C-alpha atoms as a PDB file:
ATOM      1  CA  MET A   1     -10.805 -45.356 -28.596  1.00  0.00           C
ATOM      2  CA  ALA A   2      -6.981 -45.833 -28.968  1.00  0.00           C
ATOM      3  CA  THR A   3      -4.801 -43.151 -30.898  1.00  0.00           C
ATOM      4  CA  ILE A   4      -1.508 -42.666 -32.162  1.00  0.00           C
ATOM      5  CA  GLN A   5       0.593 -39.344 -32.307  1.00  0.00           C
ATOM      6  CA  VAL A   6       1.635 -38.832 -35.724  1.00  0.00           C
ATOM      7  CA  ASP A   7       4.316 -36.318 -36.863  1.00  0.00           C
ATOM      8  CA  VAL A   8       5.331 -35.457 -40.514  1.00  0.00           C
ATOM      9  CA  VAL A   9       8.159 -33.304 -40.980  1.00  0.00           C
ATOM     10  CA  SER A  10      10.366 -32.383 -44.126  1.00  0.00           C
ATOM     11  CA  ALA A  11      13.444 -30.514 -44.046  1.00  0.00           C
ATOM     12  CA  GLU A  12      11.669 -27.029 -44.429  1.00  0.00           C
ATOM     13  CA  GLU A  13       8.743 -27.638 -42.060  1.00  0.00           C
ATOM     14  CA  ASN A  14       6.605 -29.569 -39.798  1.00  0.00           C
ATOM     15  CA  ILE A  15       3.734 -30.479 -41.855  1.00  0.00           C
ATOM     16  CA  PHE A  16       1.441 -32.281 -39.636  1.00  0.00           C
ATOM     17  CA  SER A  17       1.433 -33.096 -36.061  1.00  0.00           C
ATOM     18  CA  GLY A  18      -1.645 -34.631 -34.145  1.00  0.00           C
ATOM     19  CA  LEU A  19      -3.601 -37.744 -32.815  1.00  0.00           C
ATOM     20  CA  ALA A  20      -4.758 -40.198 -35.236  1.00  0.00           C
ATOM     21  CA  LYS A  21      -6.726 -43.359 -35.363  1.00  0.00           C
ATOM     22  CA  PHE A  22      -4.940 -44.892 -38.600  1.00  0.00           C
ATOM     23  CA  VAL A  23      -1.858 -44.046 -40.868  1.00  0.00           C
ATOM     24  CA  ALA A  24      -1.273 -45.505 -44.329  1.00  0.00           C
ATOM     25  CA  LEU A  25       1.551 -44.433 -46.587  1.00  0.00           C
ATOM     26  CA  PRO A  26       3.750 -45.994 -49.241  1.00  0.00           C
ATOM     27  CA  GLY A  27       6.738 -48.416 -47.707  1.00  0.00           C
ATOM     28  CA  GLU A  28       9.638 -49.336 -49.363  1.00  0.00           C
ATOM     29  CA  ASN A  29       8.247 -52.704 -50.094  1.00  0.00           C
ATOM     30  CA  GLY A  30       4.453 -51.831 -50.349  1.00  0.00           C
ATOM     31  CA  GLU A  31       1.656 -49.932 -48.520  1.00  0.00           C
ATOM     32  CA  LEU A  32       1.876 -49.812 -44.764  1.00  0.00           C
ATOM     33  CA  GLY A  33      -0.873 -49.313 -42.371  1.00  0.00           C
ATOM     34  CA  ILE A  34      -0.413 -48.474 -39.032  1.00  0.00           C
ATOM     35  CA  LEU A  35      -2.590 -48.657 -35.928  1.00  0.00           C
ATOM     36  CA  PRO A  36      -2.030 -47.604 -32.263  1.00  0.00           C
ATOM     37  CA  ARG A  37       0.359 -49.913 -30.602  1.00  0.00           C
ATOM     38  CA  HIS A  38       2.124 -51.070 -33.573  1.00  0.00           C
ATOM     39  CA  THR A  39       4.951 -53.103 -33.552  1.00  0.00           C
ATOM     40  CA  PRO A  40       8.157 -50.803 -33.663  1.00  0.00           C
ATOM     41  CA  LEU A  41       9.505 -50.229 -36.836  1.00  0.00           C
ATOM     42  CA  ILE A  42      12.188 -48.084 -39.046  1.00  0.00           C
ATOM     43  CA  THR A  43      11.803 -48.480 -42.805  1.00  0.00           C
ATOM     44  CA  ARG A  44      12.327 -46.266 -45.906  1.00  0.00           C
ATOM     45  CA  ILE A  45       9.111 -45.002 -47.678  1.00  0.00           C
ATOM     46  CA  LYS A  46       8.704 -44.213 -51.364  1.00  0.00           C
ATOM     47  CA  ALA A  47       7.010 -41.285 -52.955  1.00  0.00           C
ATOM     48  CA  GLY A  48       3.573 -41.327 -52.625  1.00  0.00           C
ATOM     49  CA  ALA A  49       0.424 -40.267 -50.526  1.00  0.00           C
ATOM     50  CA  VAL A  50       0.377 -40.300 -46.732  1.00  0.00           C
ATOM     51  CA  ARG A  51      -3.206 -40.974 -45.401  1.00  0.00           C
ATOM     52  CA  ILE A  52      -4.187 -39.894 -41.617  1.00  0.00           C
ATOM     53  CA  GLU A  53      -7.268 -40.359 -40.315  1.00  0.00           C
ATOM     54  CA  ARG A  54      -7.485 -37.763 -37.531  1.00  0.00           C
ATOM     55  CA  ALA A  55      -8.736 -38.645 -33.936  1.00  0.00           C
ATOM     56  CA  ASP A  56     -10.338 -35.441 -33.272  1.00  0.00           C
ATOM     57  CA  ASN A  57     -12.754 -35.266 -36.241  1.00  0.00           C
ATOM     58  CA  GLY A  58     -12.600 -38.418 -38.007  1.00  0.00           C
ATOM     59  CA  GLU A  59     -11.435 -36.519 -41.222  1.00  0.00           C
ATOM     60  CA  GLU A  60      -8.651 -37.708 -43.495  1.00  0.00           C
ATOM     61  CA  GLU A  61      -5.651 -35.459 -43.695  1.00  0.00           C
ATOM     62  CA  PHE A  62      -3.544 -36.122 -46.963  1.00  0.00           C
ATOM     63  CA  VAL A  63       0.274 -35.440 -47.499  1.00  0.00           C
ATOM     64  CA  PHE A  64       2.365 -36.258 -50.405  1.00  0.00           C
ATOM     65  CA  VAL A  65       5.966 -37.382 -49.624  1.00  0.00           C
ATOM     66  CA  ALA A  66       8.889 -37.798 -52.018  1.00  0.00           C
ATOM     67  CA  GLY A  67      10.621 -40.436 -50.072  1.00  0.00           C
ATOM     68  CA  GLY A  68      11.914 -40.539 -46.556  1.00  0.00           C
ATOM     69  CA  ILE A  69      12.096 -42.655 -43.219  1.00  0.00           C
ATOM     70  CA  LEU A  70       9.351 -44.058 -41.314  1.00  0.00           C
ATOM     71  CA  GLU A  71       9.533 -44.618 -37.362  1.00  0.00           C
ATOM     72  CA  VAL A  72       6.958 -46.418 -35.724  1.00  0.00           C
ATOM     73  CA  GLN A  73       6.790 -47.008 -31.856  1.00  0.00           C
ATOM     74  CA  PRO A  74       3.616 -48.200 -30.065  1.00  0.00           C
ATOM     75  CA  GLY A  75       2.402 -44.497 -29.424  1.00  0.00           C
ATOM     76  CA  THR A  76       3.912 -42.653 -32.067  1.00  0.00           C
ATOM     77  CA  VAL A  77       4.498 -42.535 -36.160  1.00  0.00           C
ATOM     78  CA  THR A  78       7.049 -40.003 -37.219  1.00  0.00           C
ATOM     79  CA  VAL A  79       7.648 -39.553 -41.067  1.00  0.00           C
ATOM     80  CA  LEU A  80      10.990 -37.643 -41.919  1.00  0.00           C
ATOM     81  CA  ALA A  81      10.331 -36.636 -45.485  1.00  0.00           C
ATOM     82  CA  ASP A  82      12.732 -35.791 -48.061  1.00  0.00           C
ATOM     83  CA  THR A  83       9.977 -33.317 -49.270  1.00  0.00           C
ATOM     84  CA  ALA A  84       6.474 -33.201 -47.998  1.00  0.00           C
ATOM     85  CA  ILE A  85       3.612 -31.194 -49.552  1.00  0.00           C
ATOM     86  CA  ARG A  86       0.129 -31.102 -48.038  1.00  0.00           C
ATOM     87  CA  GLY A  87      -2.682 -32.447 -50.155  1.00  0.00           C
ATOM     88  CA  HIS A  88      -4.499 -29.194 -50.442  1.00  0.00           C
ATOM     89  CA  ASP A  89      -1.041 -27.475 -51.795  1.00  0.00           C
ATOM     90  CA  LEU A  90      -0.451 -29.887 -54.550  1.00  0.00           C
ATOM     91  CA  ASP A  91      -0.479 -28.456 -58.075  1.00  0.00           C
ATOM     92  CA  GLU A  92      -1.103 -31.031 -60.881  1.00  0.00           C
ATOM     93  CA  ALA A  93      -0.087 -28.555 -63.603  1.00  0.00           C
ATOM     94  CA  LYS A  94       3.087 -27.936 -61.889  1.00  0.00           C
ATOM     95  CA  ALA A  95       3.716 -31.662 -61.332  1.00  0.00           C
ATOM     96  CA  ALA A  96       2.995 -32.290 -65.038  1.00  0.00           C
ATOM     97  CA  GLU A  97       5.237 -29.932 -66.343  1.00  0.00           C
ATOM     98  CA  ALA A  98       8.191 -30.943 -64.147  1.00  0.00           C
ATOM     99  CA  LYS A  99       7.550 -34.716 -65.124  1.00  0.00           C
ATOM    100  CA  LYS A 100       7.751 -33.513 -68.905  1.00  0.00           C
ATOM    101  CA  LEU A 101      11.114 -31.646 -68.045  1.00  0.00           C
ATOM    102  CA  ALA A 102      12.479 -34.758 -66.152  1.00  0.00           C
ATOM    103  CA  GLU A 103      11.400 -37.207 -69.068  1.00  0.00           C
ATOM    104  CA  GLU A 104      13.118 -34.672 -71.602  1.00  0.00           C
ATOM    105  CA  ALA A 105      16.158 -34.780 -69.332  1.00  0.00           C
ATOM    106  CA  MET A 106      16.232 -38.390 -69.614  1.00  0.00           C
ATOM    107  CA  LYS A 107      16.341 -38.467 -73.268  1.00  0.00           C
ATOM    108  CA  ASN A 108      19.120 -35.831 -73.263  1.00  0.00           C
ATOM    109  CA  ALA A 109      21.293 -37.149 -70.348  1.00  0.00           C
ATOM    110  CA  LYS A 110      24.947 -37.018 -71.224  1.00  0.00           C
ATOM    111  CA  SER A 111      25.940 -39.593 -68.089  1.00  0.00           C
ATOM    112  CA  ASP A 112      24.402 -42.123 -66.059  1.00  0.00           C
ATOM    113  CA  ILE A 113      24.558 -39.907 -63.000  1.00  0.00           C
ATOM    114  CA  ASP A 114      22.322 -37.311 -65.258  1.00  0.00           C
ATOM    115  CA  PHE A 115      19.879 -39.919 -66.366  1.00  0.00           C
ATOM    116  CA  ALA A 116      19.507 -41.354 -62.686  1.00  0.00           C
ATOM    117  CA  LYS A 117      18.812 -37.872 -61.255  1.00  0.00           C
ATOM    118  CA  ALA A 118      16.281 -37.216 -64.012  1.00  0.00           C
ATOM    119  CA  GLN A 119      14.810 -40.609 -63.587  1.00  0.00           C
ATOM    120  CA  SER A 120      14.309 -39.823 -59.805  1.00  0.00           C
ATOM    121  CA  GLU A 121      12.491 -36.530 -60.675  1.00  0.00           C
ATOM    122  CA  PHE A 122      10.246 -38.409 -63.091  1.00  0.00           C
ATOM    123  CA  SER A 123       9.442 -40.971 -60.668  1.00  0.00           C
ATOM    124  CA  ALA A 124       8.401 -38.228 -57.783  1.00  0.00           C
ATOM    125  CA  MET A 125       6.448 -36.507 -60.341  1.00  0.00           C
ATOM    126  CA  ALA A 126       4.648 -39.271 -61.607  1.00  0.00           C
ATOM    127  CA  ALA A 127       4.011 -40.358 -57.987  1.00  0.00           C
ATOM    128  CA  GLN A 128       2.613 -37.034 -57.406  1.00  0.00           C
ATOM    129  CA  ILE A 129       0.306 -36.977 -60.072  1.00  0.00           C
ATOM    130  CA  ALA A 130      -1.189 -40.283 -58.939  1.00  0.00           C
ATOM    131  CA  ALA A 131      -1.300 -38.770 -55.297  1.00  0.00           C
ATOM    132  CA  ILE A 132      -3.389 -36.091 -56.815  1.00  0.00           C
ATOM    133  CA  ALA A 133      -5.604 -38.281 -58.552  1.00  0.00           C
ATOM    134  CA  LYS A 134      -6.102 -40.385 -55.462  1.00  0.00           C
ATOM    135  CA  LEU A 135      -7.050 -37.039 -53.631  1.00  0.00           C
ATOM    136  CA  ARG A 136      -9.622 -36.283 -55.931  1.00  0.00           C
ATOM    137  CA  LYS A 137     -11.373 -39.513 -55.714  1.00  0.00           C
ATOM    138  CA  LYS A 138     -12.106 -39.002 -52.175  1.00  0.00           C
END
């Protein structure tokens, strides 16, 4: 069975490192599926769920990323995330509250920069809530 080394890291910590059969994540232009011996690739990723099918037990590992960079080499997948949270650490109530605050900040923005910052936070929280819903469906 072919496997690929997967590393998911954020500025704060190493979130996941291990062998996998398959990785799926939200690329800048749509969902990406990565198998062992994938063509080399570097691309930006959007906020959303990274799904890793582990090679050791076949279980799916789930990580939320708030954007970042993906590098794929034939034997390695590296996700450099702005923010990354393990699936079991996601808090739907916190995300919903942060989304509500971002929505209010967009309404009250005094400049384009303030609006863009609030809009970015809103989008990340909406993606996190969608990722939580996807995780619960498993």
